Amino acid sequence: MNTVIMWVGLALLVALLTFMNQKQVYSSKVKRAYRELRMLAQKVRAEQSETSDLGGWEASISEMEKHPNEFNKLDKEIGLRQAFVQYLERHYPQDTRLPELQEAAAYRKDSVWGIKIGN
């Protein structure tokens, strides 16, 4: 009887962990950064970005870099790296990070895990 209870408990634990993984429970900082980056990328594409947006870009990107899987998902969804490069090219063309970021933006990942498949 004890083994049955143990197996049922283990199954419930696995189900709970699976559910929590699907819900993607993240802190409010990550959610805020996610929304901020979506909005900033949209502003860049609509050519409405401003030089004062740099602080928002840097703060949100640094927060998302703590969660690389989510960062890569966002990059795949909205082309985050390309949008940031466009922003820097438009407002800060002398930025020393620009060549490195241009190279990273040119390399599109085929999956969330960053594995390049094919050519």
N, C-alpha and C. Protein backbone atom coordinates (compact mmCIF):
# COMPACT_ATOMS: atom_id res chain seq x y z
N MET A 1 0.81 -1.19 0.00
CA MET A 1 0.00 0.00 0.00
C MET A 1 0.86 1.27 0.00
N ASN A 2 1.98 1.21 0.78
CA ASN A 2 2.86 2.37 0.82
C ASN A 2 3.49 2.67 -0.53
N THR A 3 3.82 1.62 -1.28
CA THR A 3 4.41 1.85 -2.60
C THR A 3 3.41 2.49 -3.56
N VAL A 4 2.16 2.11 -3.47
CA VAL A 4 1.14 2.71 -4.33
C VAL A 4 1.02 4.21 -4.02
N ILE A 5 1.01 4.55 -2.74
CA ILE A 5 0.92 5.95 -2.34
C ILE A 5 2.16 6.72 -2.82
N MET A 6 3.31 6.09 -2.72
CA MET A 6 4.55 6.72 -3.16
C MET A 6 4.52 6.97 -4.67
N TRP A 7 4.07 6.00 -5.46
CA TRP A 7 4.01 6.15 -6.91
C TRP A 7 2.99 7.21 -7.33
N VAL A 8 1.86 7.23 -6.66
CA VAL A 8 0.85 8.25 -6.95
C VAL A 8 1.40 9.64 -6.60
N GLY A 9 2.08 9.76 -5.50
CA GLY A 9 2.70 11.02 -5.11
C GLY A 9 3.74 11.48 -6.11
N LEU A 10 4.55 10.54 -6.59
CA LEU A 10 5.56 10.87 -7.60
C LEU A 10 4.90 11.32 -8.90
N ALA A 11 3.84 10.64 -9.30
CA ALA A 11 3.13 11.02 -10.52
C ALA A 11 2.53 12.42 -10.38
N LEU A 12 1.96 12.72 -9.22
CA LEU A 12 1.40 14.05 -8.99
C LEU A 12 2.49 15.13 -9.00
N LEU A 13 3.64 14.81 -8.44
CA LEU A 13 4.76 15.74 -8.44
C LEU A 13 5.22 16.04 -9.87
N VAL A 14 5.35 15.00 -10.68
CA VAL A 14 5.75 15.18 -12.07
C VAL A 14 4.71 16.01 -12.82
N ALA A 15 3.42 15.72 -12.59
CA ALA A 15 2.36 16.49 -13.24
C ALA A 15 2.40 17.96 -12.82
N LEU A 16 2.64 18.21 -11.54
CA LEU A 16 2.72 19.57 -11.05
C LEU A 16 3.91 20.32 -11.67
N LEU A 17 5.06 19.68 -11.72
CA LEU A 17 6.24 20.30 -12.32
C LEU A 17 6.04 20.57 -13.80
N THR A 18 5.40 19.65 -14.49
CA THR A 18 5.11 19.85 -15.91
C THR A 18 4.17 21.04 -16.10
N PHE A 19 3.14 21.12 -15.28
CA PHE A 19 2.21 22.24 -15.35
C PHE A 19 2.91 23.57 -15.09
N MET A 20 3.75 23.60 -14.09
CA MET A 20 4.47 24.84 -13.77
C MET A 20 5.42 25.22 -14.88
N ASN A 21 6.03 24.25 -15.53
CA ASN A 21 6.93 24.52 -16.64
C ASN A 21 6.16 25.12 -17.81
N GLN A 22 4.97 24.61 -18.06
CA GLN A 22 4.15 25.13 -19.15
C GLN A 22 3.64 26.53 -18.86
N LYS A 23 3.39 26.84 -17.61
CA LYS A 23 2.90 28.16 -17.22
C LYS A 23 3.98 29.23 -17.31
N GLN A 24 5.23 28.81 -17.33
CA GLN A 24 6.37 29.71 -17.39
C GLN A 24 6.25 30.81 -16.33
N VAL A 25 6.37 30.38 -15.11
CA VAL A 25 6.27 31.30 -13.99
C VAL A 25 7.58 32.07 -13.89
N TYR A 26 7.53 33.33 -14.23
CA TYR A 26 8.71 34.17 -14.18
C TYR A 26 8.44 35.37 -13.28
N SER A 27 9.51 35.99 -12.89
CA SER A 27 9.37 37.16 -12.02
C SER A 27 8.79 38.33 -12.80
N SER A 28 8.34 39.31 -12.08
CA SER A 28 7.76 40.48 -12.72
C SER A 28 8.81 41.25 -13.52
N LYS A 29 10.08 41.16 -13.11
CA LYS A 29 11.15 41.83 -13.85
C LYS A 29 11.29 41.26 -15.25
N VAL A 30 11.20 39.94 -15.38
CA VAL A 30 11.32 39.30 -16.69
C VAL A 30 10.12 39.66 -17.56
N LYS A 31 8.95 39.63 -16.98
CA LYS A 31 7.74 39.98 -17.74
C LYS A 31 7.80 41.43 -18.20
N ARG A 32 8.27 42.31 -17.33
CA ARG A 32 8.39 43.73 -17.69
C ARG A 32 9.41 43.91 -18.81
N ALA A 33 10.55 43.22 -18.70
CA ALA A 33 11.58 43.32 -19.73
C ALA A 33 11.06 42.79 -21.06
N TYR A 34 10.31 41.71 -21.01
CA TYR A 34 9.73 41.11 -22.22
C TYR A 34 8.81 42.12 -22.92
N ARG A 35 7.93 42.75 -22.15
CA ARG A 35 7.02 43.75 -22.73
C ARG A 35 7.78 44.96 -23.26
N GLU A 36 8.76 45.42 -22.48
CA GLU A 36 9.55 46.58 -22.87
C GLU A 36 10.30 46.33 -24.18
N LEU A 37 10.91 45.17 -24.31
CA LEU A 37 11.66 44.86 -25.53
C LEU A 37 10.74 44.73 -26.74
N ARG A 38 9.57 44.16 -26.55
CA ARG A 38 8.60 44.08 -27.65
C ARG A 38 8.21 45.49 -28.11
N MET A 39 7.94 46.37 -27.14
CA MET A 39 7.54 47.73 -27.46
C MET A 39 8.68 48.49 -28.15
N LEU A 40 9.90 48.35 -27.65
CA LEU A 40 11.04 49.04 -28.24
C LEU A 40 11.32 48.54 -29.66
N ALA A 41 11.22 47.24 -29.87
CA ALA A 41 11.44 46.70 -31.22
C ALA A 41 10.37 47.21 -32.18
N GLN A 42 9.15 47.31 -31.70
CA GLN A 42 8.06 47.83 -32.52
C GLN A 42 8.31 49.29 -32.88
N LYS A 43 8.81 50.07 -31.92
CA LYS A 43 9.13 51.48 -32.18
C LYS A 43 10.23 51.61 -33.23
N VAL A 44 11.23 50.73 -33.16
CA VAL A 44 12.33 50.78 -34.13
C VAL A 44 11.80 50.48 -35.53
N ARG A 45 10.98 49.46 -35.64
CA ARG A 45 10.45 49.08 -36.95
C ARG A 45 9.50 50.14 -37.52
N ALA A 46 8.83 50.87 -36.65
CA ALA A 46 7.93 51.95 -37.08
C ALA A 46 8.69 53.27 -37.25
N GLU A 47 10.00 53.22 -37.06
CA GLU A 47 10.88 54.38 -37.15
C GLU A 47 10.44 55.51 -36.22
N GLN A 48 10.02 55.13 -35.01
CA GLN A 48 9.61 56.10 -34.00
C GLN A 48 10.53 56.05 -32.77
N SER A 49 11.66 55.41 -32.90
CA SER A 49 12.58 55.28 -31.76
C SER A 49 13.25 56.61 -31.47
N GLU A 50 13.69 56.76 -30.23
CA GLU A 50 14.34 57.99 -29.78
C GLU A 50 15.67 57.64 -29.14
N THR A 51 16.56 58.60 -29.07
CA THR A 51 17.86 58.34 -28.45
C THR A 51 17.72 58.03 -26.97
N SER A 52 16.68 58.53 -26.35
CA SER A 52 16.49 58.30 -24.91
C SER A 52 16.05 56.86 -24.60
N ASP A 53 15.78 56.05 -25.61
CA ASP A 53 15.36 54.67 -25.40
C ASP A 53 16.51 53.74 -25.01
N LEU A 54 17.75 54.21 -25.11
CA LEU A 54 18.91 53.34 -24.88
C LEU A 54 18.90 52.72 -23.49
N GLY A 55 18.54 53.48 -22.48
CA GLY A 55 18.49 52.94 -21.11
C GLY A 55 17.51 51.79 -20.99
N GLY A 56 16.37 51.91 -21.63
CA GLY A 56 15.37 50.84 -21.62
C GLY A 56 15.87 49.60 -22.32
N TRP A 57 16.52 49.79 -23.47
CA TRP A 57 17.10 48.66 -24.19
C TRP A 57 18.09 47.91 -23.32
N GLU A 58 19.05 48.65 -22.77
CA GLU A 58 20.13 48.01 -22.02
C GLU A 58 19.62 47.32 -20.76
N ALA A 59 18.72 47.96 -20.03
CA ALA A 59 18.20 47.35 -18.80
C ALA A 59 17.39 46.09 -19.12
N SER A 60 16.55 46.16 -20.13
CA SER A 60 15.70 45.01 -20.48
C SER A 60 16.52 43.86 -21.06
N ILE A 61 17.49 44.18 -21.89
CA ILE A 61 18.33 43.12 -22.46
C ILE A 61 19.15 42.46 -21.37
N SER A 62 19.70 43.24 -20.45
CA SER A 62 20.50 42.62 -19.38
C SER A 62 19.64 41.73 -18.50
N GLU A 63 18.39 42.09 -18.28
CA GLU A 63 17.49 41.23 -17.50
C GLU A 63 17.16 39.95 -18.26
N MET A 64 16.91 40.06 -19.56
CA MET A 64 16.57 38.88 -20.36
C MET A 64 17.78 37.96 -20.54
N GLU A 65 18.98 38.51 -20.54
CA GLU A 65 20.17 37.68 -20.69
C GLU A 65 20.36 36.74 -19.50
N LYS A 66 19.72 37.03 -18.38
CA LYS A 66 19.76 36.13 -17.24
C LYS A 66 18.92 34.88 -17.49
N HIS A 67 18.07 34.94 -18.50
CA HIS A 67 17.19 33.83 -18.89
C HIS A 67 17.40 33.57 -20.38
N PRO A 68 18.50 32.90 -20.74
CA PRO A 68 18.87 32.76 -22.15
C PRO A 68 17.81 32.07 -23.01
N ASN A 69 17.09 31.11 -22.46
CA ASN A 69 16.07 30.44 -23.23
C ASN A 69 14.98 31.42 -23.65
N GLU A 70 14.54 32.24 -22.72
CA GLU A 70 13.51 33.25 -23.02
C GLU A 70 14.06 34.33 -23.96
N PHE A 71 15.32 34.68 -23.78
CA PHE A 71 15.95 35.66 -24.66
C PHE A 71 15.95 35.15 -26.09
N ASN A 72 16.32 33.88 -26.27
CA ASN A 72 16.34 33.30 -27.61
C ASN A 72 14.94 33.17 -28.20
N LYS A 73 13.96 32.84 -27.37
CA LYS A 73 12.58 32.78 -27.87
C LYS A 73 12.12 34.15 -28.36
N LEU A 74 12.42 35.17 -27.59
CA LEU A 74 12.03 36.52 -27.97
C LEU A 74 12.76 36.96 -29.23
N ASP A 75 14.02 36.61 -29.33
CA ASP A 75 14.78 36.94 -30.53
C ASP A 75 14.19 36.26 -31.76
N LYS A 76 13.79 35.01 -31.59
CA LYS A 76 13.20 34.28 -32.71
C LYS A 76 11.84 34.87 -33.10
N GLU A 77 11.06 35.29 -32.13
CA GLU A 77 9.72 35.83 -32.39
C GLU A 77 9.77 37.20 -33.07
N ILE A 78 10.58 38.10 -32.54
CA ILE A 78 10.52 39.48 -33.01
C ILE A 78 11.82 39.99 -33.63
N GLY A 79 12.84 39.15 -33.72
CA GLY A 79 14.12 39.60 -34.26
C GLY A 79 14.75 40.66 -33.36
N LEU A 80 14.85 40.34 -32.09
CA LEU A 80 15.31 41.29 -31.08
C LEU A 80 16.70 41.84 -31.39
N ARG A 81 17.62 40.96 -31.73
CA ARG A 81 18.99 41.42 -31.99
C ARG A 81 19.03 42.37 -33.19
N GLN A 82 18.29 42.04 -34.23
CA GLN A 82 18.26 42.90 -35.42
C GLN A 82 17.65 44.26 -35.10
N ALA A 83 16.61 44.27 -34.29
CA ALA A 83 15.98 45.54 -33.91
C ALA A 83 16.94 46.40 -33.10
N PHE A 84 17.69 45.78 -32.18
CA PHE A 84 18.63 46.54 -31.38
C PHE A 84 19.76 47.08 -32.24
N VAL A 85 20.22 46.30 -33.20
CA VAL A 85 21.25 46.76 -34.12
C VAL A 85 20.72 47.94 -34.95
N GLN A 86 19.50 47.84 -35.43
CA GLN A 86 18.91 48.95 -36.19
C GLN A 86 18.83 50.20 -35.33
N TYR A 87 18.45 50.02 -34.08
CA TYR A 87 18.37 51.16 -33.16
C TYR A 87 19.75 51.81 -33.00
N LEU A 88 20.76 51.01 -32.74
CA LEU A 88 22.11 51.56 -32.55
C LEU A 88 22.63 52.21 -33.83
N GLU A 89 22.38 51.60 -34.97
CA GLU A 89 22.82 52.19 -36.24
C GLU A 89 22.16 53.55 -36.47
N ARG A 90 20.92 53.66 -36.08
CA ARG A 90 20.18 54.90 -36.30
C ARG A 90 20.59 56.00 -35.32
N HIS A 91 20.77 55.65 -34.05
CA HIS A 91 20.99 56.67 -33.04
C HIS A 91 22.41 56.73 -32.48
N TYR A 92 23.13 55.64 -32.49
CA TYR A 92 24.48 55.58 -31.92
C TYR A 92 25.43 54.84 -32.87
N PRO A 93 25.68 55.37 -34.06
CA PRO A 93 26.53 54.64 -35.01
C PRO A 93 27.99 54.49 -34.56
N GLN A 94 28.42 55.27 -33.59
CA GLN A 94 29.79 55.18 -33.09
C GLN A 94 29.94 54.19 -31.94
N ASP A 95 28.87 53.54 -31.53
CA ASP A 95 28.91 52.59 -30.41
C ASP A 95 29.90 51.47 -30.71
N THR A 96 30.77 51.17 -29.75
CA THR A 96 31.81 50.16 -29.96
C THR A 96 31.25 48.74 -30.01
N ARG A 97 30.05 48.51 -29.49
CA ARG A 97 29.44 47.17 -29.51
C ARG A 97 28.83 46.83 -30.86
N LEU A 98 28.67 47.81 -31.71
CA LEU A 98 27.91 47.64 -32.94
C LEU A 98 28.45 46.55 -33.86
N PRO A 99 29.75 46.47 -34.16
CA PRO A 99 30.21 45.39 -35.05
C PRO A 99 29.93 43.98 -34.52
N GLU A 100 30.13 43.81 -33.23
CA GLU A 100 29.87 42.51 -32.62
C GLU A 100 28.37 42.17 -32.66
N LEU A 101 27.54 43.15 -32.39
CA LEU A 101 26.10 42.94 -32.41
C LEU A 101 25.58 42.70 -33.83
N GLN A 102 26.18 43.37 -34.81
CA GLN A 102 25.78 43.15 -36.20
C GLN A 102 26.07 41.71 -36.61
N GLU A 103 27.21 41.19 -36.19
CA GLU A 103 27.56 39.81 -36.50
C GLU A 103 26.59 38.85 -35.82
N ALA A 104 26.26 39.11 -34.57
CA ALA A 104 25.32 38.24 -33.85
C ALA A 104 23.94 38.30 -34.47
N ALA A 105 23.51 39.48 -34.92
CA ALA A 105 22.18 39.63 -35.53
C ALA A 105 22.11 38.94 -36.89
N ALA A 106 23.23 38.88 -37.59
CA ALA A 106 23.25 38.25 -38.90
C ALA A 106 23.13 36.73 -38.79
N TYR A 107 23.47 36.18 -37.65
CA TYR A 107 23.42 34.74 -37.44
C TYR A 107 22.09 34.38 -36.82
N ARG A 108 21.14 33.97 -37.65
CA ARG A 108 19.82 33.58 -37.15
C ARG A 108 19.86 32.14 -36.68
N LYS A 109 19.34 31.91 -35.50
CA LYS A 109 19.30 30.56 -34.95
C LYS A 109 18.05 29.86 -35.45
N ASP A 110 18.18 28.56 -35.70
CA ASP A 110 17.05 27.79 -36.20
C ASP A 110 16.18 27.23 -35.09
N SER A 111 16.65 27.33 -33.87
CA SER A 111 15.87 26.78 -32.77
C SER A 111 16.06 27.64 -31.54
N VAL A 112 15.28 27.36 -30.54
CA VAL A 112 15.38 28.09 -29.28
C VAL A 112 16.69 27.79 -28.58
N TRP A 113 17.21 26.59 -28.78
CA TRP A 113 18.45 26.20 -28.09
C TRP A 113 19.68 26.75 -28.77
N GLY A 114 19.53 27.37 -29.92
CA GLY A 114 20.66 28.01 -30.58
C GLY A 114 21.45 27.09 -31.46
N ILE A 115 20.89 25.97 -31.86
CA ILE A 115 21.60 25.05 -32.73
C ILE A 115 21.35 25.46 -34.17
N LYS A 116 22.38 25.69 -34.91
CA LYS A 116 22.26 26.06 -36.31
C LYS A 116 22.18 24.78 -37.12
N ILE A 117 21.09 24.62 -37.84
CA ILE A 117 20.87 23.40 -38.62
C ILE A 117 21.02 23.75 -40.09
N GLY A 118 21.81 22.99 -40.80
CA GLY A 118 22.00 23.23 -42.23
C GLY A 118 23.02 24.32 -42.47
N ASN A 119 22.88 25.00 -43.60
CA ASN A 119 23.84 26.05 -43.98
C ASN A 119 23.58 27.25 -43.16
